[in-house]
Amino acid sequence: MGIFSTLLLIYVAGVFLIAQWRADNSLMDIAYGPAFTLCAIGLLLLTKTTTILPWLITILIGAWSIRLAVRIWRKNHGKPEDARYAAWRRAWSTRGTTYFIIRSFLQINLLQGIIIAIVALPVVVASATETSLTIITVIGGLVYCFGLTYESIADYQLDQFLGRKRAGTEPATLMTTGLFRYSRRPNYFGETLIWWGLAIMVLPLPYGWIAIASPLLITFIVTRVTGPMLEDIFLEKYPDEYRAYMTRTSYFIPLPPRRV
């Protein structure tokens, strides 16, 4: 864990310096996914790990991180700093440059680094043990594949909807079709399955139970932090439409729409 954390600290510090140079703290959003893969590869190379399981998990994390980074980059490319970070910049800058720099590093880069360190526990645990693949590995891999596919489909459907909205060809106010018919946050549901799958893959290992902290943290974040924040935003922008959507549609776990 020490090697991974050290690599991660160097990584987030480097991202922070580039973000300050570009005056765009939202760069950390793009760098978030690749942090897992690059630090995992560095860990396995430095520890001279040759067993298949940690490398397999790293490859699976790499597939997830590349998709995520590309999607966020396409979303942010050519645009100014994300509104959330721009608001923080304005608020923190009123207390001086030093305060802004320290607060930015601690709240944006270091905090996300700590989250990454916990979420990446499956690969860290796997790297510490000589092991072979088992039926549990296969089960966890299938859960991961289902989660990645589910999240990718949900993101694709949402991106297509937003594209039609920008083009003026989509009459609907909210995205309520496709996977969004069964859950208000299908992409979040898929994201949690990715990490539950990776944690399951290392469960048979010594101290494998520690990796459960990874999906537990992700599930907590998407159901208790980022999800509710989005709910509040939509309720403020579309109070009647979104409240009706909430009434008939499950928040997280996909379920048949409720009759109202």
Protein backbone atom coordinates (compact mmCIF):
# COMPACT_ATOMS: atom_id res chain seq x y z
CA MET A 1 0.00 0.00 0.00
CA GLY A 2 2.93 2.31 0.73
CA ILE A 3 4.29 2.09 -2.80
CA PHE A 4 0.88 2.67 -4.39
CA SER A 5 0.17 5.63 -2.09
CA THR A 6 3.56 7.21 -2.83
CA LEU A 7 3.04 6.89 -6.58
CA LEU A 8 -0.46 8.30 -6.19
CA LEU A 9 0.77 11.28 -4.18
CA ILE A 10 3.34 12.09 -6.87
CA TYR A 11 0.63 11.73 -9.52
CA VAL A 12 -1.97 14.01 -7.89
CA ALA A 13 0.73 16.58 -7.08
CA GLY A 14 1.76 16.60 -10.75
CA VAL A 15 -1.85 17.01 -11.85
CA PHE A 16 -2.22 19.84 -9.34
CA LEU A 17 0.79 21.71 -10.76
CA ILE A 18 -0.51 21.38 -14.33
CA ALA A 19 -3.98 22.50 -13.19
CA GLN A 20 -2.52 25.63 -11.59
CA TRP A 21 -0.53 26.39 -14.73
CA ARG A 22 -3.68 26.05 -16.84
CA ALA A 23 -5.93 27.73 -14.22
CA ASP A 24 -8.32 24.79 -14.48
CA ASN A 25 -8.82 22.61 -11.41
CA SER A 26 -11.33 20.45 -13.26
CA LEU A 27 -8.33 18.76 -14.90
CA MET A 28 -8.42 16.37 -11.92
CA ASP A 29 -11.71 14.98 -13.22
CA ILE A 30 -9.99 13.78 -16.40
CA ALA A 31 -6.94 12.54 -14.47
CA TYR A 32 -9.04 10.61 -11.92
CA GLY A 33 -9.49 7.40 -13.91
CA PRO A 34 -5.94 7.10 -15.29
CA ALA A 35 -4.57 7.53 -11.75
CA PHE A 36 -5.77 4.02 -10.90
CA THR A 37 -4.19 2.41 -13.94
CA LEU A 38 -0.86 4.24 -13.97
CA CYS A 39 -0.27 3.79 -10.24
CA ALA A 40 -1.32 0.13 -10.40
CA ILE A 41 1.11 -0.52 -13.25
CA GLY A 42 3.84 1.29 -11.33
CA LEU A 43 3.09 -0.82 -8.25
CA LEU A 44 3.28 -4.11 -10.14
CA LEU A 45 6.48 -3.14 -11.93
CA LEU A 46 8.23 -1.92 -8.78
CA THR A 47 7.23 -5.02 -6.83
CA LYS A 48 8.14 -7.25 -9.80
CA THR A 49 4.72 -8.91 -9.64
CA THR A 50 4.33 -11.65 -12.24
CA THR A 51 1.17 -13.47 -11.11
CA ILE A 52 -1.83 -13.13 -13.40
CA LEU A 53 -4.55 -11.89 -11.01
CA PRO A 54 -3.13 -8.43 -10.17
CA TRP A 55 -2.30 -7.83 -13.83
CA LEU A 56 -5.78 -8.97 -14.85
CA ILE A 57 -7.36 -6.57 -12.35
CA THR A 58 -5.09 -3.78 -13.61
CA ILE A 59 -6.20 -4.46 -17.19
CA LEU A 60 -9.86 -4.36 -16.14
CA ILE A 61 -9.30 -1.10 -14.25
CA GLY A 62 -7.49 0.23 -17.32
CA ALA A 63 -10.49 -0.47 -19.56
CA TRP A 64 -12.75 1.35 -17.12
CA SER A 65 -10.37 4.30 -16.68
CA ILE A 66 -9.76 4.86 -20.39
CA ARG A 67 -13.50 4.97 -21.12
CA LEU A 68 -14.07 7.37 -18.24
CA ALA A 69 -11.18 9.69 -19.09
CA VAL A 70 -12.12 9.88 -22.78
CA ARG A 71 -15.75 10.61 -21.96
CA ILE A 72 -14.88 13.40 -19.51
CA TRP A 73 -12.25 14.83 -21.88
CA ARG A 74 -14.77 14.96 -24.73
CA LYS A 75 -17.29 16.57 -22.41
CA ASN A 76 -14.85 19.25 -21.17
CA HIS A 77 -12.68 19.82 -24.25
CA GLY A 78 -12.65 23.42 -25.40
CA LYS A 79 -14.77 24.55 -22.47
CA PRO A 80 -13.78 26.75 -19.53
CA GLU A 81 -13.22 25.38 -16.05
CA ASP A 82 -16.15 23.31 -14.77
CA ALA A 83 -18.74 25.46 -12.99
CA ARG A 84 -18.19 23.72 -9.64
CA TYR A 85 -14.47 24.38 -9.65
CA ALA A 86 -14.95 27.91 -11.00
CA ALA A 87 -17.28 28.67 -8.07
CA TRP A 88 -14.69 27.33 -5.62
CA ARG A 89 -11.99 29.39 -7.35
CA ARG A 90 -13.98 32.59 -6.87
CA ALA A 91 -14.79 31.82 -3.24
CA TRP A 92 -11.33 30.66 -2.21
CA SER A 93 -9.47 33.40 -4.09
CA THR A 94 -11.12 36.05 -1.91
CA ARG A 95 -8.94 34.78 0.96
CA GLY A 96 -5.67 35.16 -0.92
CA THR A 97 -3.51 33.19 -3.33
CA THR A 98 -1.83 31.04 -0.66
CA TYR A 99 -5.17 29.98 0.78
CA PHE A 100 -6.49 29.20 -2.69
CA ILE A 101 -3.49 27.03 -3.57
CA ILE A 102 -3.54 25.07 -0.30
CA ARG A 103 -7.32 24.64 -0.32
CA SER A 104 -7.30 23.53 -3.96
CA PHE A 105 -4.66 20.88 -3.36
CA LEU A 106 -6.23 19.53 -0.19
CA GLN A 107 -9.89 19.52 -1.26
CA ILE A 108 -9.53 18.63 -4.93
CA ASN A 109 -6.34 16.69 -5.52
CA LEU A 110 -5.38 15.17 -2.18
CA LEU A 111 -8.95 14.25 -1.23
CA GLN A 112 -9.48 12.48 -4.54
CA GLY A 113 -6.11 10.81 -4.07
CA ILE A 114 -7.27 9.39 -0.73
CA ILE A 115 -10.47 8.15 -2.35
CA ILE A 116 -8.48 6.53 -5.16
CA ALA A 117 -6.18 4.80 -2.65
CA ILE A 118 -9.18 3.18 -0.94
CA VAL A 119 -11.07 2.32 -4.12
CA ALA A 120 -7.94 0.75 -5.63
CA LEU A 121 -7.65 -1.78 -2.78
CA PRO A 122 -8.50 -4.79 -5.01
CA VAL A 123 -5.33 -4.40 -7.06
CA VAL A 124 -3.23 -3.55 -3.99
CA VAL A 125 -4.44 -6.68 -2.16
CA ALA A 126 -3.91 -8.86 -5.24
CA SER A 127 -0.37 -7.58 -5.74
CA ALA A 128 0.67 -8.77 -2.27
CA THR A 129 -0.18 -12.44 -2.80
CA GLU A 130 0.93 -15.26 -5.07
CA THR A 131 -2.30 -16.75 -6.35
CA SER A 132 -4.02 -18.41 -9.28
CA LEU A 133 -7.41 -17.81 -10.82
CA THR A 134 -10.47 -19.48 -9.25
CA ILE A 135 -14.21 -19.69 -9.84
CA ILE A 136 -14.54 -16.63 -7.57
CA THR A 137 -12.30 -14.75 -9.97
CA VAL A 138 -14.66 -15.63 -12.81
CA ILE A 139 -17.75 -14.60 -10.82
CA GLY A 140 -16.19 -11.28 -9.89
CA GLY A 141 -15.09 -10.73 -13.47
CA LEU A 142 -18.61 -11.32 -14.73
CA VAL A 143 -20.01 -8.81 -12.22
CA TYR A 144 -17.38 -6.31 -13.40
CA CYS A 145 -18.23 -6.89 -17.08
CA PHE A 146 -21.95 -6.47 -16.45
CA GLY A 147 -21.32 -3.27 -14.49
CA LEU A 148 -19.04 -1.75 -17.13
CA THR A 149 -21.49 -2.64 -19.90
CA TYR A 150 -24.45 -1.27 -17.96
CA GLU A 151 -22.66 1.98 -17.14
CA SER A 152 -21.43 2.40 -20.72
CA ILE A 153 -24.93 1.93 -22.14
CA ALA A 154 -26.41 4.38 -19.63
CA ASP A 155 -23.75 7.00 -20.41
CA TYR A 156 -24.24 6.50 -24.15
CA GLN A 157 -28.01 6.91 -23.86
CA LEU A 158 -27.57 10.03 -21.74
CA ASP A 159 -24.99 11.55 -24.11
CA GLN A 160 -27.27 10.92 -27.08
CA PHE A 161 -30.15 12.59 -25.25
CA LEU A 162 -28.05 15.63 -24.33
CA GLY A 163 -26.79 15.83 -27.92
CA ARG A 164 -30.35 15.96 -29.20
CA LYS A 165 -31.17 18.61 -26.60
CA ARG A 166 -28.29 20.78 -27.81
CA ALA A 167 -29.41 20.28 -31.41
CA GLY A 168 -32.98 21.24 -30.52
CA THR A 169 -34.43 17.95 -31.73
CA GLU A 170 -35.33 16.47 -28.34
CA PRO A 171 -38.68 17.64 -26.93
CA ALA A 172 -38.36 15.82 -23.59
CA THR A 173 -37.19 17.81 -20.58
CA LEU A 174 -35.63 14.87 -18.76
CA MET A 175 -33.94 11.65 -19.77
CA THR A 176 -36.48 9.04 -18.69
CA THR A 177 -36.17 6.35 -21.36
CA GLY A 178 -33.80 3.44 -21.93
CA LEU A 179 -32.08 2.36 -18.73
CA PHE A 180 -33.25 5.60 -17.13
CA ARG A 181 -36.77 4.19 -17.21
CA TYR A 182 -35.82 1.71 -14.49
CA SER A 183 -33.41 3.79 -12.39
CA ARG A 184 -32.70 7.48 -12.05
CA ARG A 185 -28.97 6.73 -11.79
CA PRO A 186 -28.26 3.65 -13.92
CA ASN A 187 -24.70 4.79 -14.64
CA TYR A 188 -24.01 5.00 -10.90
CA PHE A 189 -25.46 1.54 -10.43
CA GLY A 190 -23.13 0.19 -13.10
CA GLU A 191 -20.17 1.98 -11.52
CA THR A 192 -20.72 0.30 -8.17
CA LEU A 193 -20.98 -3.14 -9.82
CA ILE A 194 -17.57 -2.58 -11.41
CA TRP A 195 -15.92 -2.23 -8.02
CA TRP A 196 -18.00 -4.92 -6.35
CA GLY A 197 -16.85 -7.26 -9.10
CA LEU A 198 -13.18 -6.41 -8.61
CA ALA A 199 -13.52 -6.82 -4.83
CA ILE A 200 -15.14 -10.24 -5.29
CA MET A 201 -12.18 -11.31 -7.43
CA VAL A 202 -9.77 -10.93 -4.50
CA LEU A 203 -12.06 -12.20 -1.72
CA PRO A 204 -10.37 -15.64 -1.46
CA LEU A 205 -6.97 -14.02 -0.89
CA PRO A 206 -5.46 -13.45 2.56
CA TYR A 207 -6.89 -10.14 3.77
CA GLY A 208 -9.07 -10.07 0.68
CA TRP A 209 -11.96 -8.87 2.82
CA ILE A 210 -10.17 -5.51 3.15
CA ALA A 211 -10.94 -4.82 -0.51
CA ILE A 212 -14.66 -4.64 0.34
CA ALA A 213 -13.91 -1.08 1.50
CA SER A 214 -13.54 -0.20 -2.19
CA PRO A 215 -17.14 -0.83 -3.39
CA LEU A 216 -18.55 0.26 -0.03
CA LEU A 217 -16.93 3.68 -0.46
CA ILE A 218 -18.05 4.03 -4.07
CA THR A 219 -21.60 2.98 -3.18
CA PHE A 220 -21.68 5.49 -0.33
CA ILE A 221 -20.42 8.32 -2.54
CA VAL A 222 -22.89 7.77 -5.37
CA THR A 223 -25.91 7.13 -3.13
CA ARG A 224 -25.24 9.62 -0.35
CA VAL A 225 -23.09 12.39 -1.85
CA THR A 226 -23.05 12.97 -5.62
CA GLY A 227 -26.44 11.41 -6.29
CA PRO A 228 -28.38 13.57 -3.82
CA MET A 229 -26.54 16.65 -5.10
CA LEU A 230 -27.79 15.94 -8.61
CA GLU A 231 -31.27 15.25 -7.29
CA ASP A 232 -31.35 18.70 -5.68
CA ILE A 233 -30.15 20.35 -8.91
CA PHE A 234 -32.84 18.67 -11.00
CA LEU A 235 -35.53 19.41 -8.44
CA GLU A 236 -34.56 23.07 -8.55
CA LYS A 237 -34.50 23.25 -12.35
CA TYR A 238 -37.49 21.01 -13.13
CA PRO A 239 -39.52 20.74 -9.88
CA ASP A 240 -42.73 19.28 -11.26
CA GLU A 241 -41.25 17.04 -13.95
CA TYR A 242 -38.50 15.64 -11.78
CA ARG A 243 -40.75 15.04 -8.79
CA ALA A 244 -43.05 13.02 -11.05
CA TYR A 245 -40.04 11.09 -12.34
CA MET A 246 -38.96 10.39 -8.76
CA THR A 247 -42.40 9.11 -7.89
CA ARG A 248 -42.41 6.39 -10.54
CA THR A 249 -38.69 5.54 -10.89
CA SER A 250 -36.30 3.81 -8.53
CA TYR A 251 -33.36 5.96 -7.44
CA PHE A 252 -30.52 3.45 -7.72
CA ILE A 253 -31.36 -0.24 -8.20
CA PRO A 254 -33.14 -0.85 -11.55
CA LEU A 255 -36.77 -1.79 -10.96
CA PRO A 256 -39.95 -1.77 -13.05
CA PRO A 257 -41.52 1.72 -13.04
CA ARG A 258 -44.11 2.24 -10.33
CA ARG A 259 -47.68 2.95 -11.37
CA VAL A 260 -48.95 6.32 -10.19
